[in-house]
Amino acid sequence: MRTCVGCRERDLRSALLRLVLEPSDDERRGEPRVVADVRASLPGRGAWIHPTSACLELAVRRRAVPRALRVAGPLDLTGIRDHLEQPGR
């Protein structure tokens, strides 16, 4: 059982999408990006969310993703939005 950082409901791990920070390739910029860990096997701390736009928007509004990943400042979640909008995911 995991808790969605958007709606705060507990659900099975298989029903949630894991979000992780991917380190940046260029250390000068130093901006990690959030990626969808579809297999739930990437290393590092993860945040779990229902794979819906509604839960993602709740998480953004609550600033829950950076808090769950223990990073300071806002994160760019456009890659996650694009992933959720893909047909057949």
PDB file of N, CA and C in Angstrom:
ATOM      1  N   MET A   1       0.842  -1.188   0.000  1.00  0.00           N
ATOM      2  CA  MET A   1       0.000   0.000   0.000  1.00  0.00           C
ATOM      3  C   MET A   1       0.885   1.249   0.000  1.00  0.00           C
ATOM      4  N   ARG A   2       0.486   2.207  -0.817  1.00  0.00           N
ATOM      5  CA  ARG A   2       1.184   3.492  -0.907  1.00  0.00           C
ATOM      6  C   ARG A   2       0.136   4.593  -0.831  1.00  0.00           C
ATOM      7  N   THR A   3       0.573   5.808  -0.549  1.00  0.00           N
ATOM      8  CA  THR A   3      -0.328   6.955  -0.465  1.00  0.00           C
ATOM      9  C   THR A   3      -0.059   7.894  -1.629  1.00  0.00           C
ATOM     10  N   CYS A   4      -1.102   8.275  -2.336  1.00  0.00           N
ATOM     11  CA  CYS A   4      -1.010   9.237  -3.431  1.00  0.00           C
ATOM     12  C   CYS A   4      -0.707  10.616  -2.845  1.00  0.00           C
ATOM     13  N   VAL A   5       0.315  11.297  -3.372  1.00  0.00           N
ATOM     14  CA  VAL A   5       0.657  12.619  -2.854  1.00  0.00           C
ATOM     15  C   VAL A   5      -0.337  13.683  -3.305  1.00  0.00           C
ATOM     16  N   GLY A   6      -1.194  13.348  -4.252  1.00  0.00           N
ATOM     17  CA  GLY A   6      -2.208  14.298  -4.717  1.00  0.00           C
ATOM     18  C   GLY A   6      -3.454  14.260  -3.862  1.00  0.00           C
ATOM     19  N   CYS A   7      -4.176  13.142  -3.914  1.00  0.00           N
ATOM     20  CA  CYS A   7      -5.457  13.037  -3.205  1.00  0.00           C
ATOM     21  C   CYS A   7      -5.309  12.485  -1.788  1.00  0.00           C
ATOM     22  N   ARG A   8      -4.113  11.978  -1.447  1.00  0.00           N
ATOM     23  CA  ARG A   8      -3.804  11.442  -0.117  1.00  0.00           C
ATOM     24  C   ARG A   8      -4.552  10.146   0.193  1.00  0.00           C
ATOM     25  N   GLU A   9      -5.061   9.460  -0.816  1.00  0.00           N
ATOM     26  CA  GLU A   9      -5.725   8.175  -0.601  1.00  0.00           C
ATOM     27  C   GLU A   9      -4.706   7.051  -0.722  1.00  0.00           C
ATOM     28  N   ARG A  10      -4.882   6.038   0.087  1.00  0.00           N
ATOM     29  CA  ARG A  10      -4.021   4.865   0.034  1.00  0.00           C
ATOM     30  C   ARG A  10      -4.536   3.920  -1.056  1.00  0.00           C
ATOM     31  N   ASP A  11      -3.585   3.323  -1.779  1.00  0.00           N
ATOM     32  CA  ASP A  11      -3.962   2.408  -2.850  1.00  0.00           C
ATOM     33  C   ASP A  11      -2.836   1.405  -3.048  1.00  0.00           C
ATOM     34  N   LEU A  12      -3.112   0.401  -3.848  1.00  0.00           N
ATOM     35  CA  LEU A  12      -2.102  -0.587  -4.169  1.00  0.00           C
ATOM     36  C   LEU A  12      -0.986   0.043  -4.988  1.00  0.00           C
ATOM     37  N   ARG A  13       0.205  -0.479  -4.798  1.00  0.00           N
ATOM     38  CA  ARG A  13       1.364   0.016  -5.532  1.00  0.00           C
ATOM     39  C   ARG A  13       1.137  -0.084  -7.041  1.00  0.00           C
ATOM     40  N   SER A  14       0.463  -1.129  -7.482  1.00  0.00           N
ATOM     41  CA  SER A  14       0.227  -1.332  -8.914  1.00  0.00           C
ATOM     42  C   SER A  14      -0.750  -0.315  -9.505  1.00  0.00           C
ATOM     43  N   ALA A  15      -1.530   0.358  -8.668  1.00  0.00           N
ATOM     44  CA  ALA A  15      -2.502   1.335  -9.153  1.00  0.00           C
ATOM     45  C   ALA A  15      -1.932   2.753  -9.194  1.00  0.00           C
ATOM     46  N   LEU A  16      -0.708   2.929  -8.695  1.00  0.00           N
ATOM     47  CA  LEU A  16      -0.093   4.255  -8.618  1.00  0.00           C
ATOM     48  C   LEU A  16       1.109   4.347  -9.551  1.00  0.00           C
ATOM     49  N   LEU A  17       1.480   5.582  -9.872  1.00  0.00           N
ATOM     50  CA  LEU A  17       2.647   5.868 -10.699  1.00  0.00           C
ATOM     51  C   LEU A  17       3.725   6.451  -9.797  1.00  0.00           C
ATOM     52  N   ARG A  18       4.942   5.942  -9.913  1.00  0.00           N
ATOM     53  CA  ARG A  18       6.045   6.428  -9.084  1.00  0.00           C
ATOM     54  C   ARG A  18       6.782   7.527  -9.824  1.00  0.00           C
ATOM     55  N   LEU A  19       7.047   8.637  -9.136  1.00  0.00           N
ATOM     56  CA  LEU A  19       7.807   9.752  -9.680  1.00  0.00           C
ATOM     57  C   LEU A  19       9.153   9.796  -8.977  1.00  0.00           C
ATOM     58  N   VAL A  20      10.221   9.977  -9.739  1.00  0.00           N
ATOM     59  CA  VAL A  20      11.566  10.067  -9.169  1.00  0.00           C
ATOM     60  C   VAL A  20      12.318  11.213  -9.817  1.00  0.00           C
ATOM     61  N   LEU A  21      13.366  11.659  -9.147  1.00  0.00           N
ATOM     62  CA  LEU A  21      14.236  12.683  -9.707  1.00  0.00           C
ATOM     63  C   LEU A  21      15.319  12.015 -10.522  1.00  0.00           C
ATOM     64  N   GLU A  22      15.501  12.511 -11.723  1.00  0.00           N
ATOM     65  CA  GLU A  22      16.594  12.048 -12.572  1.00  0.00           C
ATOM     66  C   GLU A  22      17.663  13.127 -12.517  1.00  0.00           C
ATOM     67  N   PRO A  23      18.885  12.778 -12.116  1.00  0.00           N
ATOM     68  CA  PRO A  23      19.925  13.810 -12.025  1.00  0.00           C
ATOM     69  C   PRO A  23      20.203  14.434 -13.380  1.00  0.00           C
ATOM     70  N   SER A  24      20.585  15.700 -13.368  1.00  0.00           N
ATOM     71  CA  SER A  24      20.842  16.383 -14.640  1.00  0.00           C
ATOM     72  C   SER A  24      22.160  15.904 -15.213  1.00  0.00           C
ATOM     73  N   ASP A  25      22.269  15.951 -16.534  1.00  0.00           N
ATOM     74  CA  ASP A  25      23.506  15.552 -17.206  1.00  0.00           C
ATOM     75  C   ASP A  25      24.575  16.620 -17.037  1.00  0.00           C
ATOM     76  N   ASP A  26      24.148  17.853 -16.980  1.00  0.00           N
ATOM     77  CA  ASP A  26      25.069  18.978 -16.889  1.00  0.00           C
ATOM     78  C   ASP A  26      25.083  19.488 -15.459  1.00  0.00           C
ATOM     79  N   GLU A  27      26.184  19.312 -14.757  1.00  0.00           N
ATOM     80  CA  GLU A  27      26.237  19.697 -13.347  1.00  0.00           C
ATOM     81  C   GLU A  27      26.204  21.204 -13.157  1.00  0.00           C
ATOM     82  N   ARG A  28      26.516  21.968 -14.191  1.00  0.00           N
ATOM     83  CA  ARG A  28      26.480  23.420 -14.039  1.00  0.00           C
ATOM     84  C   ARG A  28      25.065  23.931 -13.853  1.00  0.00           C
ATOM     85  N   ARG A  29      24.127  23.339 -14.581  1.00  0.00           N
ATOM     86  CA  ARG A  29      22.732  23.760 -14.416  1.00  0.00           C
ATOM     87  C   ARG A  29      22.194  23.230 -13.107  1.00  0.00           C
ATOM     88  N   GLY A  30      22.520  21.992 -12.804  1.00  0.00           N
ATOM     89  CA  GLY A  30      22.137  21.405 -11.535  1.00  0.00           C
ATOM     90  C   GLY A  30      20.648  21.237 -11.315  1.00  0.00           C
ATOM     91  N   GLU A  31      19.861  21.221 -12.377  1.00  0.00           N
ATOM     92  CA  GLU A  31      18.413  21.095 -12.225  1.00  0.00           C
ATOM     93  C   GLU A  31      17.973  19.672 -12.537  1.00  0.00           C
ATOM     94  N   PRO A  32      17.652  18.902 -11.520  1.00  0.00           N
ATOM     95  CA  PRO A  32      17.140  17.557 -11.794  1.00  0.00           C
ATOM     96  C   PRO A  32      15.724  17.647 -12.348  1.00  0.00           C
ATOM     97  N   ARG A  33      15.314  16.619 -13.088  1.00  0.00           N
ATOM     98  CA  ARG A  33      13.958  16.632 -13.620  1.00  0.00           C
ATOM     99  C   ARG A  33      13.195  15.437 -13.078  1.00  0.00           C
ATOM    100  N   VAL A  34      11.910  15.603 -12.979  1.00  0.00           N
ATOM    101  CA  VAL A  34      11.045  14.546 -12.471  1.00  0.00           C
ATOM    102  C   VAL A  34      10.640  13.655 -13.641  1.00  0.00           C
ATOM    103  N   VAL A  35      10.789  12.353 -13.466  1.00  0.00           N
ATOM    104  CA  VAL A  35      10.412  11.399 -14.508  1.00  0.00           C
ATOM    105  C   VAL A  35       9.453  10.370 -13.927  1.00  0.00           C
ATOM    106  N   ALA A  36       8.653   9.792 -14.795  1.00  0.00           N
ATOM    107  CA  ALA A  36       7.733   8.722 -14.393  1.00  0.00           C
ATOM    108  C   ALA A  36       8.494   7.410 -14.389  1.00  0.00           C
ATOM    109  N   ASP A  37       8.484   6.741 -13.264  1.00  0.00           N
ATOM    110  CA  ASP A  37       9.144   5.449 -13.111  1.00  0.00           C
ATOM    111  C   ASP A  37       8.083   4.365 -13.313  1.00  0.00           C
ATOM    112  N   VAL A  38       7.823   4.032 -14.557  1.00  0.00           N
ATOM    113  CA  VAL A  38       6.742   3.113 -14.904  1.00  0.00           C
ATOM    114  C   VAL A  38       6.965   1.730 -14.292  1.00  0.00           C
ATOM    115  N   ARG A  39       8.197   1.270 -14.275  1.00  0.00           N
ATOM    116  CA  ARG A  39       8.499  -0.046 -13.708  1.00  0.00           C
ATOM    117  C   ARG A  39       8.686  -0.019 -12.195  1.00  0.00           C
ATOM    118  N   ALA A  40       8.724   1.168 -11.599  1.00  0.00           N
ATOM    119  CA  ALA A  40       8.939   1.345 -10.155  1.00  0.00           C
ATOM    120  C   ALA A  40      10.231   0.679  -9.712  1.00  0.00           C
ATOM    121  N   SER A  41      11.290   0.883 -10.504  1.00  0.00           N
ATOM    122  CA  SER A  41      12.556   0.235 -10.183  1.00  0.00           C
ATOM    123  C   SER A  41      13.759   1.174 -10.222  1.00  0.00           C
ATOM    124  N   LEU A  42      13.547   2.448 -10.547  1.00  0.00           N
ATOM    125  CA  LEU A  42      14.667   3.384 -10.588  1.00  0.00           C
ATOM    126  C   LEU A  42      15.163   3.662  -9.169  1.00  0.00           C
ATOM    127  N   PRO A  43      16.458   3.933  -9.029  1.00  0.00           N
ATOM    128  CA  PRO A  43      16.982   4.203  -7.692  1.00  0.00           C
ATOM    129  C   PRO A  43      16.555   5.582  -7.191  1.00  0.00           C
ATOM    130  N   GLY A  44      16.568   5.735  -5.903  1.00  0.00           N
ATOM    131  CA  GLY A  44      16.277   7.026  -5.300  1.00  0.00           C
ATOM    132  C   GLY A  44      14.906   7.090  -4.663  1.00  0.00           C
ATOM    133  N   ARG A  45      14.682   8.209  -4.025  1.00  0.00           N
ATOM    134  CA  ARG A  45      13.421   8.452  -3.331  1.00  0.00           C
ATOM    135  C   ARG A  45      12.313   8.664  -4.349  1.00  0.00           C
ATOM    136  N   GLY A  46      11.142   8.142  -4.078  1.00  0.00           N
ATOM    137  CA  GLY A  46      10.025   8.264  -5.002  1.00  0.00           C
ATOM    138  C   GLY A  46       8.807   8.880  -4.356  1.00  0.00           C
ATOM    139  N   ALA A  47       7.957   9.439  -5.188  1.00  0.00           N
ATOM    140  CA  ALA A  47       6.656   9.956  -4.777  1.00  0.00           C
ATOM    141  C   ALA A  47       5.616   9.204  -5.594  1.00  0.00           C
ATOM    142  N   TRP A  48       4.556   8.777  -4.964  1.00  0.00           N
ATOM    143  CA  TRP A  48       3.529   7.969  -5.625  1.00  0.00           C
ATOM    144  C   TRP A  48       2.298   8.815  -5.895  1.00  0.00           C
ATOM    145  N   ILE A  49       1.708   8.611  -7.077  1.00  0.00           N
ATOM    146  CA  ILE A  49       0.540   9.406  -7.468  1.00  0.00           C
ATOM    147  C   ILE A  49      -0.366   8.555  -8.359  1.00  0.00           C
ATOM    148  N   HIS A  50      -1.674   8.774  -8.248  1.00  0.00           N
ATOM    149  CA  HIS A  50      -2.591   8.117  -9.183  1.00  0.00           C
ATOM    150  C   HIS A  50      -2.302   8.667 -10.576  1.00  0.00           C
ATOM    151  N   PRO A  51      -2.316   7.854 -11.599  1.00  0.00           N
ATOM    152  CA  PRO A  51      -1.990   8.320 -12.951  1.00  0.00           C
ATOM    153  C   PRO A  51      -3.126   9.093 -13.606  1.00  0.00           C
ATOM    154  N   THR A  52      -3.581  10.150 -12.938  1.00  0.00           N
ATOM    155  CA  THR A  52      -4.634  11.013 -13.467  1.00  0.00           C
ATOM    156  C   THR A  52      -4.191  12.470 -13.377  1.00  0.00           C
ATOM    157  N   SER A  53      -4.709  13.281 -14.273  1.00  0.00           N
ATOM    158  CA  SER A  53      -4.387  14.708 -14.242  1.00  0.00           C
ATOM    159  C   SER A  53      -4.927  15.372 -12.981  1.00  0.00           C
ATOM    160  N   ALA A  54      -6.059  14.886 -12.479  1.00  0.00           N
ATOM    161  CA  ALA A  54      -6.666  15.485 -11.296  1.00  0.00           C
ATOM    162  C   ALA A  54      -5.747  15.339 -10.078  1.00  0.00           C
ATOM    163  N   CYS A  55      -5.190  14.159  -9.888  1.00  0.00           N
ATOM    164  CA  CYS A  55      -4.284  13.950  -8.750  1.00  0.00           C
ATOM    165  C   CYS A  55      -2.987  14.731  -8.927  1.00  0.00           C
ATOM    166  N   LEU A  56      -2.509  14.832 -10.157  1.00  0.00           N
ATOM    167  CA  LEU A  56      -1.300  15.617 -10.399  1.00  0.00           C
ATOM    168  C   LEU A  56      -1.547  17.086 -10.074  1.00  0.00           C
ATOM    169  N   GLU A  57      -2.683  17.624 -10.491  1.00  0.00           N
ATOM    170  CA  GLU A  57      -2.984  19.025 -10.194  1.00  0.00           C
ATOM    171  C   GLU A  57      -3.150  19.264  -8.692  1.00  0.00           C
ATOM    172  N   LEU A  58      -3.752  18.319  -7.986  1.00  0.00           N
ATOM    173  CA  LEU A  58      -3.837  18.434  -6.523  1.00  0.00           C
ATOM    174  C   LEU A  58      -2.450  18.453  -5.901  1.00  0.00           C
ATOM    175  N   ALA A  59      -1.573  17.602  -6.383  1.00  0.00           N
ATOM    176  CA  ALA A  59      -0.211  17.550  -5.858  1.00  0.00           C
ATOM    177  C   ALA A  59       0.539  18.844  -6.140  1.00  0.00           C
ATOM    178  N   VAL A  60       0.323  19.420  -7.320  1.00  0.00           N
ATOM    179  CA  VAL A  60       0.970  20.691  -7.658  1.00  0.00           C
ATOM    180  C   VAL A  60       0.449  21.795  -6.742  1.00  0.00           C
ATOM    181  N   ARG A  61      -0.863  21.842  -6.574  1.00  0.00           N
ATOM    182  CA  ARG A  61      -1.469  22.874  -5.736  1.00  0.00           C
ATOM    183  C   ARG A  61      -0.983  22.780  -4.288  1.00  0.00           C
ATOM    184  N   ARG A  62      -0.805  21.562  -3.798  1.00  0.00           N
ATOM    185  CA  ARG A  62      -0.365  21.349  -2.420  1.00  0.00           C
ATOM    186  C   ARG A  62       1.153  21.393  -2.275  1.00  0.00           C
ATOM    187  N   ARG A  63       1.872  21.506  -3.407  1.00  0.00           N
ATOM    188  CA  ARG A  63       3.340  21.469  -3.431  1.00  0.00           C
ATOM    189  C   ARG A  63       3.860  20.181  -2.801  1.00  0.00           C
ATOM    190  N   ALA A  64       3.179  19.089  -3.101  1.00  0.00           N
ATOM    191  CA  ALA A  64       3.470  17.816  -2.453  1.00  0.00           C
ATOM    192  C   ALA A  64       4.622  17.051  -3.100  1.00  0.00           C
ATOM    193  N   VAL A  65       4.848  17.226  -4.389  1.00  0.00           N
ATOM    194  CA  VAL A  65       5.894  16.442  -5.050  1.00  0.00           C
ATOM    195  C   VAL A  65       7.282  16.843  -4.552  1.00  0.00           C
ATOM    196  N   PRO A  66       7.641  18.131  -4.523  1.00  0.00           N
ATOM    197  CA  PRO A  66       8.967  18.473  -3.985  1.00  0.00           C
ATOM    198  C   PRO A  66       9.121  18.058  -2.509  1.00  0.00           C
ATOM    199  N   ARG A  67       8.064  18.172  -1.759  1.00  0.00           N
ATOM    200  CA  ARG A  67       8.119  17.772  -0.347  1.00  0.00           C
ATOM    201  C   ARG A  67       8.349  16.274  -0.213  1.00  0.00           C
ATOM    202  N   ALA A  68       7.650  15.481  -1.017  1.00  0.00           N
ATOM    203  CA  ALA A  68       7.802  14.025  -0.957  1.00  0.00           C
ATOM    204  C   ALA A  68       9.186  13.588  -1.432  1.00  0.00           C
ATOM    205  N   LEU A  69       9.738  14.301  -2.403  1.00  0.00           N
ATOM    206  CA  LEU A  69      11.062  13.961  -2.921  1.00  0.00           C
ATOM    207  C   LEU A  69      12.179  14.628  -2.125  1.00  0.00           C
ATOM    208  N   ARG A  70      11.798  15.442  -1.158  1.00  0.00           N
ATOM    209  CA  ARG A  70      12.736  16.137  -0.261  1.00  0.00           C
ATOM    210  C   ARG A  70      13.732  17.015  -1.019  1.00  0.00           C
ATOM    211  N   VAL A  71      13.177  17.885  -1.869  1.00  0.00           N
ATOM    212  CA  VAL A  71      13.985  18.873  -2.571  1.00  0.00           C
ATOM    213  C   VAL A  71      13.405  20.255  -2.294  1.00  0.00           C
ATOM    214  N   ALA A  72      14.266  21.253  -2.351  1.00  0.00           N
ATOM    215  CA  ALA A  72      13.811  22.624  -2.130  1.00  0.00           C
ATOM    216  C   ALA A  72      13.387  23.235  -3.458  1.00  0.00           C
ATOM    217  N   GLY A  73      12.367  24.041  -3.402  1.00  0.00           N
ATOM    218  CA  GLY A  73      11.928  24.752  -4.586  1.00  0.00           C
ATOM    219  C   GLY A  73      10.985  23.962  -5.461  1.00  0.00           C
ATOM    220  N   PRO A  74      10.380  24.647  -6.424  1.00  0.00           N
ATOM    221  CA  PRO A  74       9.427  23.995  -7.325  1.00  0.00           C
ATOM    222  C   PRO A  74      10.143  23.097  -8.331  1.00  0.00           C
ATOM    223  N   LEU A  75       9.412  22.130  -8.842  1.00  0.00           N
ATOM    224  CA  LEU A  75       9.926  21.210  -9.854  1.00  0.00           C
ATOM    225  C   LEU A  75       9.098  21.333 -11.125  1.00  0.00           C
ATOM    226  N   ASP A  76       9.738  21.116 -12.255  1.00  0.00           N
ATOM    227  CA  ASP A  76       9.049  21.139 -13.542  1.00  0.00           C
ATOM    228  C   ASP A  76       8.388  19.778 -13.765  1.00  0.00           C
ATOM    229  N   LEU A  77       7.075  19.753 -13.835  1.00  0.00           N
ATOM    230  CA  LEU A  77       6.326  18.509 -13.994  1.00  0.00           C
ATOM    231  C   LEU A  77       5.713  18.361 -15.383  1.00  0.00           C
ATOM    232  N   THR A  78       6.218  19.096 -16.366  1.00  0.00           N
ATOM    233  CA  THR A  78       5.650  19.002 -17.713  1.00  0.00           C
ATOM    234  C   THR A  78       5.858  17.613 -18.314  1.00  0.00           C
ATOM    235  N   GLY A  79       6.965  16.971 -18.012  1.00  0.00           N
ATOM    236  CA  GLY A  79       7.200  15.619 -18.507  1.00  0.00           C
ATOM    237  C   GLY A  79       6.183  14.633 -17.968  1.00  0.00           C
ATOM    238  N   ILE A  80       5.780  14.828 -16.718  1.00  0.00           N
ATOM    239  CA  ILE A  80       4.775  13.955 -16.108  1.00  0.00           C
ATOM    240  C   ILE A  80       3.416  14.227 -16.733  1.00  0.00           C
ATOM    241  N   ARG A  81       3.092  15.497 -16.962  1.00  0.00           N
ATOM    242  CA  ARG A  81       1.823  15.840 -17.624  1.00  0.00           C
ATOM    243  C   ARG A  81       1.757  15.204 -19.011  1.00  0.00           C
ATOM    244  N   ASP A  82       2.869  15.284 -19.745  1.00  0.00           N
ATOM    245  CA  ASP A  82       2.916  14.683 -21.082  1.00  0.00           C
ATOM    246  C   ASP A  82       2.728  13.172 -21.000  1.00  0.00           C
ATOM    247  N   HIS A  83       3.343  12.548 -20.014  1.00  0.00           N
ATOM    248  CA  HIS A  83       3.210  11.099 -19.835  1.00  0.00           C
ATOM    249  C   HIS A  83       1.754  10.714 -19.567  1.00  0.00           C
ATOM    250  N   LEU A  84       1.066  11.496 -18.751  1.00  0.00           N
ATOM    251  CA  LEU A  84      -0.321  11.179 -18.411  1.00  0.00           C
ATOM    252  C   LEU A  84      -1.262  11.399 -19.588  1.00  0.00           C
ATOM    253  N   GLU A  85      -0.903  12.277 -20.502  1.00  0.00           N
ATOM    254  CA  GLU A  85      -1.768  12.570 -21.640  1.00  0.00           C
ATOM    255  C   GLU A  85      -1.550  11.625 -22.812  1.00  0.00           C
ATOM    256  N   GLN A  86      -0.529  10.779 -22.748  1.00  0.00           N
ATOM    257  CA  GLN A  86      -0.267   9.845 -23.838  1.00  0.00           C
ATOM    258  C   GLN A  86      -1.380   8.833 -23.944  1.00  0.00           C
ATOM    259  N   PRO A  87      -1.871   8.591 -25.144  1.00  0.00           N
ATOM    260  CA  PRO A  87      -2.913   7.561 -25.297  1.00  0.00           C
ATOM    261  C   PRO A  87      -2.317   6.166 -25.127  1.00  0.00           C
ATOM    262  N   GLY A  88      -3.075   5.306 -24.483  1.00  0.00           N
ATOM    263  CA  GLY A  88      -2.665   3.926 -24.326  1.00  0.00           C
ATOM    264  C   GLY A  88      -1.605   3.677 -23.284  1.00  0.00           C
ATOM    265  N   ARG A  89      -1.420   4.582 -22.369  1.00  0.00           N
ATOM    266  CA  ARG A  89      -0.391   4.371 -21.329  1.00  0.00           C
ATOM    267  C   ARG A  89      -0.861   3.404 -20.302  1.00  0.00           C
TER     268      ARG A  89
END
